[in-house]
Amino acid sequence: MNIVENDYISVVSGGKVTSRSTAIDEISIATKGLKANAINILGKKLEWESGMIARAIGTTTRTLERHIESKKPLSIKISENALELAKLSTIGTDYFGSVKRWNEWLSTPHTQFENKEPREVMHTIRGRELIKRIILGLEYGFNA
């Protein structure tokens, strides 16, 4: 994870913050609210259907569509979830080497998730923390 090839934080924030930005910068962007169309762009880059990206950030496709139509920013909570998902996806694709391999790992049941797929828990804070901890563990020496 030394080189960040895909900076999904930049994608989801419309280039306003990057993986190298400060936490305060991220808080500022989340407080203002992300644009819903940036969530769709992130989903396309991750090769996820709109329902999957919506579930992963704790919302619905209809909510995203309404925000796109009205040009209203997303709530702080959904924006924070999207930023966290973008960070996690940057770590995941960097470790696994590609979006395809990241998605394969997310779709494979693992004992650390009680034989569930990691994507089933990524809509929660604790789920994202667990996924990140396992990826870092893989990088530094244990098997998932």
N, C-alpha and C. Protein backbone atom coordinates (compact mmCIF):
# COMPACT_ATOMS: atom_id res chain seq x y z
N MET A 1 0.81 -1.20 0.00
CA MET A 1 0.00 0.00 0.00
C MET A 1 0.86 1.26 0.00
N ASN A 2 1.95 1.24 -0.64
CA ASN A 2 2.83 2.40 -0.63
C ASN A 2 2.41 3.45 -1.66
N ILE A 3 1.90 3.02 -2.79
CA ILE A 3 1.51 3.95 -3.86
C ILE A 3 0.01 3.86 -4.05
N VAL A 4 -0.64 5.02 -4.04
CA VAL A 4 -2.08 5.05 -4.23
C VAL A 4 -2.35 5.29 -5.71
N GLU A 5 -2.79 4.23 -6.40
CA GLU A 5 -3.08 4.35 -7.82
C GLU A 5 -4.45 4.97 -8.05
N ASN A 6 -5.42 4.53 -7.28
CA ASN A 6 -6.79 5.01 -7.44
C ASN A 6 -7.19 5.76 -6.19
N ASP A 7 -7.26 7.06 -6.30
CA ASP A 7 -7.64 7.89 -5.16
C ASP A 7 -9.14 8.11 -5.21
N TYR A 8 -9.88 7.17 -4.64
CA TYR A 8 -11.34 7.23 -4.69
C TYR A 8 -11.90 8.36 -3.83
N ILE A 9 -11.12 8.86 -2.89
CA ILE A 9 -11.56 10.01 -2.09
C ILE A 9 -11.64 11.23 -2.99
N SER A 10 -10.69 11.38 -3.88
CA SER A 10 -10.73 12.47 -4.84
C SER A 10 -11.94 12.33 -5.77
N VAL A 11 -12.24 11.10 -6.17
CA VAL A 11 -13.38 10.84 -7.05
C VAL A 11 -14.67 11.26 -6.37
N VAL A 12 -14.88 10.77 -5.14
CA VAL A 12 -16.15 11.00 -4.46
C VAL A 12 -16.32 12.46 -4.01
N SER A 13 -15.22 13.17 -3.83
CA SER A 13 -15.30 14.57 -3.39
C SER A 13 -15.24 15.55 -4.56
N GLY A 14 -15.19 15.02 -5.76
CA GLY A 14 -15.06 15.90 -6.92
C GLY A 14 -13.72 16.62 -6.97
N GLY A 15 -12.70 15.99 -6.40
CA GLY A 15 -11.35 16.55 -6.41
C GLY A 15 -11.07 17.54 -5.29
N LYS A 16 -12.01 17.75 -4.39
CA LYS A 16 -11.83 18.73 -3.31
C LYS A 16 -10.92 18.22 -2.19
N VAL A 17 -10.90 16.91 -1.98
CA VAL A 17 -9.97 16.30 -1.03
C VAL A 17 -9.38 15.05 -1.69
N THR A 18 -8.25 14.63 -1.17
CA THR A 18 -7.57 13.44 -1.69
C THR A 18 -7.21 12.54 -0.52
N SER A 19 -6.61 11.41 -0.83
CA SER A 19 -6.18 10.49 0.22
C SER A 19 -5.10 11.11 1.10
N ARG A 20 -4.51 12.19 0.65
CA ARG A 20 -3.47 12.86 1.42
C ARG A 20 -3.97 14.11 2.15
N SER A 21 -5.26 14.38 2.05
CA SER A 21 -5.84 15.54 2.73
C SER A 21 -5.94 15.29 4.23
N THR A 22 -6.11 16.37 4.97
CA THR A 22 -6.23 16.25 6.43
C THR A 22 -7.64 15.83 6.83
N ALA A 23 -7.77 15.35 8.04
CA ALA A 23 -9.08 14.99 8.57
C ALA A 23 -9.99 16.23 8.61
N ILE A 24 -9.43 17.38 8.91
CA ILE A 24 -10.22 18.61 8.95
C ILE A 24 -10.79 18.94 7.57
N ASP A 25 -10.00 18.72 6.53
CA ASP A 25 -10.49 18.94 5.16
C ASP A 25 -11.66 18.00 4.87
N GLU A 26 -11.53 16.74 5.28
CA GLU A 26 -12.60 15.77 5.06
C GLU A 26 -13.86 16.15 5.84
N ILE A 27 -13.68 16.60 7.07
CA ILE A 27 -14.82 17.03 7.88
C ILE A 27 -15.54 18.19 7.22
N SER A 28 -14.78 19.13 6.70
CA SER A 28 -15.35 20.29 6.03
C SER A 28 -16.18 19.88 4.82
N ILE A 29 -15.64 18.97 4.01
CA ILE A 29 -16.36 18.50 2.82
C ILE A 29 -17.61 17.73 3.22
N ALA A 30 -17.50 16.86 4.22
CA ALA A 30 -18.65 16.08 4.67
C ALA A 30 -19.74 17.00 5.24
N THR A 31 -19.34 18.02 5.96
CA THR A 31 -20.30 18.95 6.55
C THR A 31 -21.07 19.71 5.47
N LYS A 32 -20.38 20.06 4.41
CA LYS A 32 -21.05 20.75 3.30
C LYS A 32 -21.91 19.78 2.50
N GLY A 33 -21.55 18.51 2.52
CA GLY A 33 -22.29 17.48 1.80
C GLY A 33 -21.72 17.22 0.43
N LEU A 34 -21.54 15.94 0.13
CA LEU A 34 -21.05 15.54 -1.19
C LEU A 34 -22.17 15.62 -2.20
N LYS A 35 -21.79 15.68 -3.47
CA LYS A 35 -22.78 15.66 -4.56
C LYS A 35 -23.11 14.21 -4.89
N ALA A 36 -24.39 13.95 -5.08
CA ALA A 36 -24.84 12.59 -5.35
C ALA A 36 -24.27 12.03 -6.65
N ASN A 37 -24.06 12.88 -7.64
CA ASN A 37 -23.51 12.36 -8.89
C ASN A 37 -22.08 11.84 -8.71
N ALA A 38 -21.36 12.37 -7.71
CA ALA A 38 -20.01 11.86 -7.42
C ALA A 38 -20.08 10.44 -6.87
N ILE A 39 -21.16 10.12 -6.17
CA ILE A 39 -21.35 8.76 -5.66
C ILE A 39 -21.53 7.79 -6.82
N ASN A 40 -22.30 8.22 -7.82
CA ASN A 40 -22.49 7.37 -9.01
C ASN A 40 -21.19 7.17 -9.76
N ILE A 41 -20.37 8.21 -9.84
CA ILE A 41 -19.06 8.09 -10.50
C ILE A 41 -18.19 7.09 -9.74
N LEU A 42 -18.19 7.19 -8.41
CA LEU A 42 -17.44 6.23 -7.60
C LEU A 42 -17.93 4.81 -7.88
N GLY A 43 -19.24 4.63 -7.89
CA GLY A 43 -19.81 3.30 -8.17
C GLY A 43 -19.36 2.75 -9.50
N LYS A 44 -19.34 3.60 -10.52
CA LYS A 44 -18.88 3.15 -11.85
C LYS A 44 -17.41 2.76 -11.82
N LYS A 45 -16.58 3.54 -11.14
CA LYS A 45 -15.16 3.22 -11.06
C LYS A 45 -14.91 1.92 -10.32
N LEU A 46 -15.77 1.64 -9.33
CA LEU A 46 -15.65 0.40 -8.57
C LEU A 46 -16.38 -0.77 -9.23
N GLU A 47 -17.06 -0.48 -10.35
CA GLU A 47 -17.84 -1.48 -11.09
C GLU A 47 -18.95 -2.07 -10.23
N TRP A 48 -19.61 -1.19 -9.46
CA TRP A 48 -20.73 -1.58 -8.60
C TRP A 48 -22.01 -1.03 -9.19
N GLU A 49 -23.09 -1.80 -9.07
CA GLU A 49 -24.40 -1.30 -9.48
C GLU A 49 -24.85 -0.23 -8.49
N SER A 50 -25.78 0.61 -8.91
CA SER A 50 -26.20 1.74 -8.08
C SER A 50 -26.79 1.30 -6.75
N GLY A 51 -27.50 0.19 -6.72
CA GLY A 51 -28.06 -0.31 -5.47
C GLY A 51 -26.99 -0.70 -4.47
N MET A 52 -25.90 -1.25 -4.97
CA MET A 52 -24.83 -1.68 -4.07
C MET A 52 -24.12 -0.48 -3.45
N ILE A 53 -23.81 0.52 -4.26
CA ILE A 53 -23.13 1.69 -3.71
C ILE A 53 -24.05 2.42 -2.74
N ALA A 54 -25.34 2.49 -3.05
CA ALA A 54 -26.29 3.15 -2.15
C ALA A 54 -26.35 2.42 -0.81
N ARG A 55 -26.48 1.09 -0.84
CA ARG A 55 -26.52 0.31 0.41
C ARG A 55 -25.24 0.48 1.20
N ALA A 56 -24.10 0.49 0.52
CA ALA A 56 -22.81 0.58 1.20
C ALA A 56 -22.64 1.90 1.95
N ILE A 57 -23.32 2.95 1.50
CA ILE A 57 -23.20 4.24 2.20
C ILE A 57 -24.44 4.55 3.04
N GLY A 58 -25.34 3.57 3.15
CA GLY A 58 -26.47 3.72 4.05
C GLY A 58 -27.63 4.55 3.51
N THR A 59 -27.88 4.43 2.22
CA THR A 59 -29.00 5.16 1.63
C THR A 59 -29.66 4.30 0.57
N THR A 60 -30.51 4.91 -0.23
CA THR A 60 -31.19 4.18 -1.31
C THR A 60 -30.87 4.83 -2.65
N THR A 61 -31.10 4.08 -3.72
CA THR A 61 -30.88 4.65 -5.05
C THR A 61 -31.84 5.81 -5.28
N ARG A 62 -33.05 5.70 -4.76
CA ARG A 62 -34.03 6.78 -4.95
C ARG A 62 -33.56 8.08 -4.28
N THR A 63 -32.99 7.96 -3.09
CA THR A 63 -32.46 9.15 -2.42
C THR A 63 -31.35 9.79 -3.25
N LEU A 64 -30.47 8.97 -3.79
CA LEU A 64 -29.40 9.51 -4.64
C LEU A 64 -29.99 10.20 -5.87
N GLU A 65 -30.99 9.57 -6.49
CA GLU A 65 -31.64 10.16 -7.67
C GLU A 65 -32.28 11.51 -7.32
N ARG A 66 -32.96 11.58 -6.18
CA ARG A 66 -33.60 12.84 -5.77
C ARG A 66 -32.57 13.94 -5.57
N HIS A 67 -31.45 13.59 -4.98
CA HIS A 67 -30.40 14.59 -4.75
C HIS A 67 -29.75 15.03 -6.06
N ILE A 68 -29.65 14.14 -7.01
CA ILE A 68 -29.12 14.52 -8.33
C ILE A 68 -30.09 15.47 -9.01
N GLU A 69 -31.37 15.12 -8.99
CA GLU A 69 -32.40 15.96 -9.63
C GLU A 69 -32.48 17.35 -9.00
N SER A 70 -32.42 17.41 -7.67
CA SER A 70 -32.57 18.69 -6.98
C SER A 70 -31.25 19.44 -6.82
N LYS A 71 -30.14 18.75 -7.12
CA LYS A 71 -28.80 19.31 -6.96
C LYS A 71 -28.49 19.66 -5.51
N LYS A 72 -29.20 19.02 -4.58
CA LYS A 72 -28.95 19.21 -3.16
C LYS A 72 -27.79 18.32 -2.73
N PRO A 73 -26.93 18.83 -1.84
CA PRO A 73 -25.86 17.97 -1.32
C PRO A 73 -26.43 16.88 -0.42
N LEU A 74 -25.69 15.82 -0.28
CA LEU A 74 -26.08 14.72 0.59
C LEU A 74 -25.90 15.11 2.06
N SER A 75 -26.54 14.38 2.94
CA SER A 75 -26.43 14.65 4.38
C SER A 75 -25.00 14.40 4.85
N ILE A 76 -24.70 14.92 6.03
CA ILE A 76 -23.38 14.72 6.62
C ILE A 76 -23.11 13.23 6.79
N LYS A 77 -24.08 12.49 7.32
CA LYS A 77 -23.89 11.06 7.58
C LYS A 77 -23.59 10.30 6.29
N ILE A 78 -24.37 10.52 5.26
CA ILE A 78 -24.15 9.81 3.99
C ILE A 78 -22.82 10.25 3.38
N SER A 79 -22.50 11.53 3.49
CA SER A 79 -21.22 12.03 2.97
C SER A 79 -20.05 11.40 3.70
N GLU A 80 -20.14 11.31 5.02
CA GLU A 80 -19.06 10.67 5.79
C GLU A 80 -18.93 9.19 5.41
N ASN A 81 -20.07 8.51 5.27
CA ASN A 81 -20.03 7.11 4.86
C ASN A 81 -19.37 6.95 3.50
N ALA A 82 -19.69 7.85 2.58
CA ALA A 82 -19.11 7.79 1.23
C ALA A 82 -17.61 8.03 1.27
N LEU A 83 -17.17 8.98 2.08
CA LEU A 83 -15.73 9.24 2.20
C LEU A 83 -15.02 8.03 2.79
N GLU A 84 -15.63 7.41 3.81
CA GLU A 84 -15.03 6.23 4.43
C GLU A 84 -14.98 5.05 3.45
N LEU A 85 -16.05 4.88 2.69
CA LEU A 85 -16.08 3.82 1.68
C LEU A 85 -15.01 4.08 0.62
N ALA A 86 -14.84 5.33 0.23
CA ALA A 86 -13.81 5.67 -0.75
C ALA A 86 -12.42 5.36 -0.21
N LYS A 87 -12.18 5.69 1.06
CA LYS A 87 -10.88 5.38 1.68
C LYS A 87 -10.65 3.87 1.69
N LEU A 88 -11.67 3.15 2.12
CA LEU A 88 -11.56 1.70 2.20
C LEU A 88 -11.32 1.09 0.82
N SER A 89 -12.00 1.60 -0.19
CA SER A 89 -11.82 1.08 -1.55
C SER A 89 -10.44 1.42 -2.09
N THR A 90 -9.89 2.56 -1.70
CA THR A 90 -8.52 2.89 -2.09
C THR A 90 -7.55 1.89 -1.47
N ILE A 91 -7.74 1.60 -0.19
CA ILE A 91 -6.89 0.62 0.49
C ILE A 91 -7.06 -0.76 -0.15
N GLY A 92 -8.31 -1.15 -0.38
CA GLY A 92 -8.59 -2.47 -0.94
C GLY A 92 -8.03 -2.67 -2.34
N THR A 93 -8.26 -1.70 -3.23
CA THR A 93 -7.76 -1.86 -4.59
C THR A 93 -6.24 -1.76 -4.63
N ASP A 94 -5.68 -0.97 -3.74
CA ASP A 94 -4.22 -0.88 -3.67
C ASP A 94 -3.64 -2.22 -3.23
N TYR A 95 -4.22 -2.81 -2.18
CA TYR A 95 -3.70 -4.09 -1.69
C TYR A 95 -3.93 -5.22 -2.69
N PHE A 96 -5.15 -5.33 -3.21
CA PHE A 96 -5.48 -6.45 -4.09
C PHE A 96 -5.01 -6.24 -5.53
N GLY A 97 -4.65 -5.02 -5.87
CA GLY A 97 -4.04 -4.77 -7.17
C GLY A 97 -4.98 -4.37 -8.29
N SER A 98 -6.28 -4.54 -8.09
CA SER A 98 -7.23 -4.15 -9.13
C SER A 98 -8.64 -4.10 -8.53
N VAL A 99 -9.52 -3.40 -9.22
CA VAL A 99 -10.92 -3.35 -8.83
C VAL A 99 -11.52 -4.76 -8.90
N LYS A 100 -11.17 -5.49 -9.92
CA LYS A 100 -11.71 -6.85 -10.10
C LYS A 100 -11.38 -7.73 -8.90
N ARG A 101 -10.12 -7.73 -8.49
CA ARG A 101 -9.70 -8.58 -7.37
C ARG A 101 -10.29 -8.08 -6.05
N TRP A 102 -10.42 -6.76 -5.88
CA TRP A 102 -11.06 -6.18 -4.70
C TRP A 102 -12.51 -6.66 -4.62
N ASN A 103 -13.22 -6.59 -5.74
CA ASN A 103 -14.61 -7.03 -5.77
C ASN A 103 -14.74 -8.54 -5.53
N GLU A 104 -13.82 -9.31 -6.06
CA GLU A 104 -13.84 -10.76 -5.81
C GLU A 104 -13.69 -11.04 -4.32
N TRP A 105 -12.76 -10.34 -3.66
CA TRP A 105 -12.55 -10.53 -2.23
C TRP A 105 -13.80 -10.12 -1.44
N LEU A 106 -14.40 -8.99 -1.83
CA LEU A 106 -15.61 -8.53 -1.16
C LEU A 106 -16.77 -9.50 -1.32
N SER A 107 -16.77 -10.28 -2.38
CA SER A 107 -17.87 -11.21 -2.68
C SER A 107 -17.62 -12.63 -2.19
N THR A 108 -16.50 -12.85 -1.51
CA THR A 108 -16.15 -14.19 -1.05
C THR A 108 -16.38 -14.30 0.45
N PRO A 109 -17.18 -15.27 0.90
CA PRO A 109 -17.37 -15.46 2.35
C PRO A 109 -16.04 -15.76 3.05
N HIS A 110 -15.88 -15.17 4.25
CA HIS A 110 -14.65 -15.35 5.03
C HIS A 110 -15.00 -15.69 6.47
N THR A 111 -14.15 -16.47 7.11
CA THR A 111 -14.40 -16.84 8.50
C THR A 111 -14.41 -15.63 9.42
N GLN A 112 -13.63 -14.60 9.12
CA GLN A 112 -13.61 -13.40 9.96
C GLN A 112 -14.95 -12.68 9.95
N PHE A 113 -15.79 -12.98 8.98
CA PHE A 113 -17.12 -12.37 8.86
C PHE A 113 -18.20 -13.42 9.12
N GLU A 114 -17.86 -14.46 9.88
CA GLU A 114 -18.77 -15.57 10.17
C GLU A 114 -19.34 -16.17 8.89
N ASN A 115 -18.43 -16.37 7.94
CA ASN A 115 -18.74 -16.96 6.63
C ASN A 115 -19.73 -16.13 5.82
N LYS A 116 -19.71 -14.82 6.03
CA LYS A 116 -20.47 -13.88 5.20
C LYS A 116 -19.48 -13.18 4.28
N GLU A 117 -20.03 -12.54 3.27
CA GLU A 117 -19.20 -11.73 2.37
C GLU A 117 -18.88 -10.40 3.05
N PRO A 118 -17.67 -9.89 2.91
CA PRO A 118 -17.34 -8.60 3.50
C PRO A 118 -18.29 -7.47 3.08
N ARG A 119 -18.78 -7.51 1.84
CA ARG A 119 -19.68 -6.45 1.38
C ARG A 119 -20.97 -6.39 2.19
N GLU A 120 -21.32 -7.49 2.89
CA GLU A 120 -22.53 -7.51 3.70
C GLU A 120 -22.41 -6.67 4.96
N VAL A 121 -21.19 -6.32 5.35
CA VAL A 121 -21.01 -5.52 6.57
C VAL A 121 -20.46 -4.12 6.30
N MET A 122 -20.18 -3.81 5.05
CA MET A 122 -19.50 -2.53 4.78
C MET A 122 -20.41 -1.31 4.91
N HIS A 123 -21.71 -1.50 5.13
CA HIS A 123 -22.61 -0.37 5.32
C HIS A 123 -22.55 0.18 6.75
N THR A 124 -21.81 -0.51 7.63
CA THR A 124 -21.69 -0.05 9.02
C THR A 124 -20.26 0.43 9.29
N ILE A 125 -20.14 1.28 10.29
CA ILE A 125 -18.82 1.77 10.68
C ILE A 125 -17.94 0.60 11.12
N ARG A 126 -18.47 -0.24 11.99
CA ARG A 126 -17.70 -1.38 12.49
C ARG A 126 -17.34 -2.36 11.37
N GLY A 127 -18.23 -2.54 10.42
CA GLY A 127 -17.94 -3.40 9.29
C GLY A 127 -16.78 -2.88 8.47
N ARG A 128 -16.78 -1.57 8.19
CA ARG A 128 -15.68 -0.98 7.43
C ARG A 128 -14.38 -1.07 8.22
N GLU A 129 -14.45 -0.87 9.55
CA GLU A 129 -13.25 -0.99 10.38
C GLU A 129 -12.70 -2.42 10.33
N LEU A 130 -13.59 -3.41 10.40
CA LEU A 130 -13.17 -4.80 10.34
C LEU A 130 -12.52 -5.13 9.00
N ILE A 131 -13.14 -4.69 7.92
CA ILE A 131 -12.56 -4.92 6.59
C ILE A 131 -11.17 -4.31 6.50
N LYS A 132 -11.04 -3.08 6.96
CA LYS A 132 -9.73 -2.40 6.92
C LYS A 132 -8.71 -3.15 7.77
N ARG A 133 -9.10 -3.57 8.97
CA ARG A 133 -8.18 -4.28 9.86
C ARG A 133 -7.72 -5.59 9.22
N ILE A 134 -8.64 -6.28 8.55
CA ILE A 134 -8.27 -7.55 7.92
C ILE A 134 -7.33 -7.31 6.73
N ILE A 135 -7.60 -6.30 5.93
CA ILE A 135 -6.71 -6.01 4.80
C ILE A 135 -5.32 -5.64 5.30
N LEU A 136 -5.26 -4.81 6.34
CA LEU A 136 -3.93 -4.45 6.89
C LEU A 136 -3.25 -5.68 7.48
N GLY A 137 -4.03 -6.58 8.07
CA GLY A 137 -3.46 -7.82 8.58
C GLY A 137 -2.92 -8.70 7.46
N LEU A 138 -3.64 -8.75 6.36
CA LEU A 138 -3.15 -9.49 5.19
C LEU A 138 -1.84 -8.91 4.69
N GLU A 139 -1.81 -7.59 4.65
CA GLU A 139 -0.60 -6.93 4.17
C GLU A 139 0.60 -7.21 5.06
N TYR A 140 0.32 -7.31 6.36
CA TYR A 140 1.43 -7.49 7.30
C TYR A 140 1.54 -8.89 7.86
N GLY A 141 0.80 -9.87 7.27
CA GLY A 141 1.13 -11.21 7.61
C GLY A 141 0.12 -12.25 8.02
N PHE A 142 -1.16 -12.00 8.16
CA PHE A 142 -2.06 -13.12 8.43
C PHE A 142 -2.97 -13.35 7.25
N ASN A 143 -3.58 -14.53 7.19
CA ASN A 143 -4.43 -14.92 6.06
C ASN A 143 -5.89 -14.61 6.31
N ALA A 144 -6.60 -14.19 5.23
CA ALA A 144 -8.05 -13.95 5.34
C ALA A 144 -8.80 -15.05 4.67
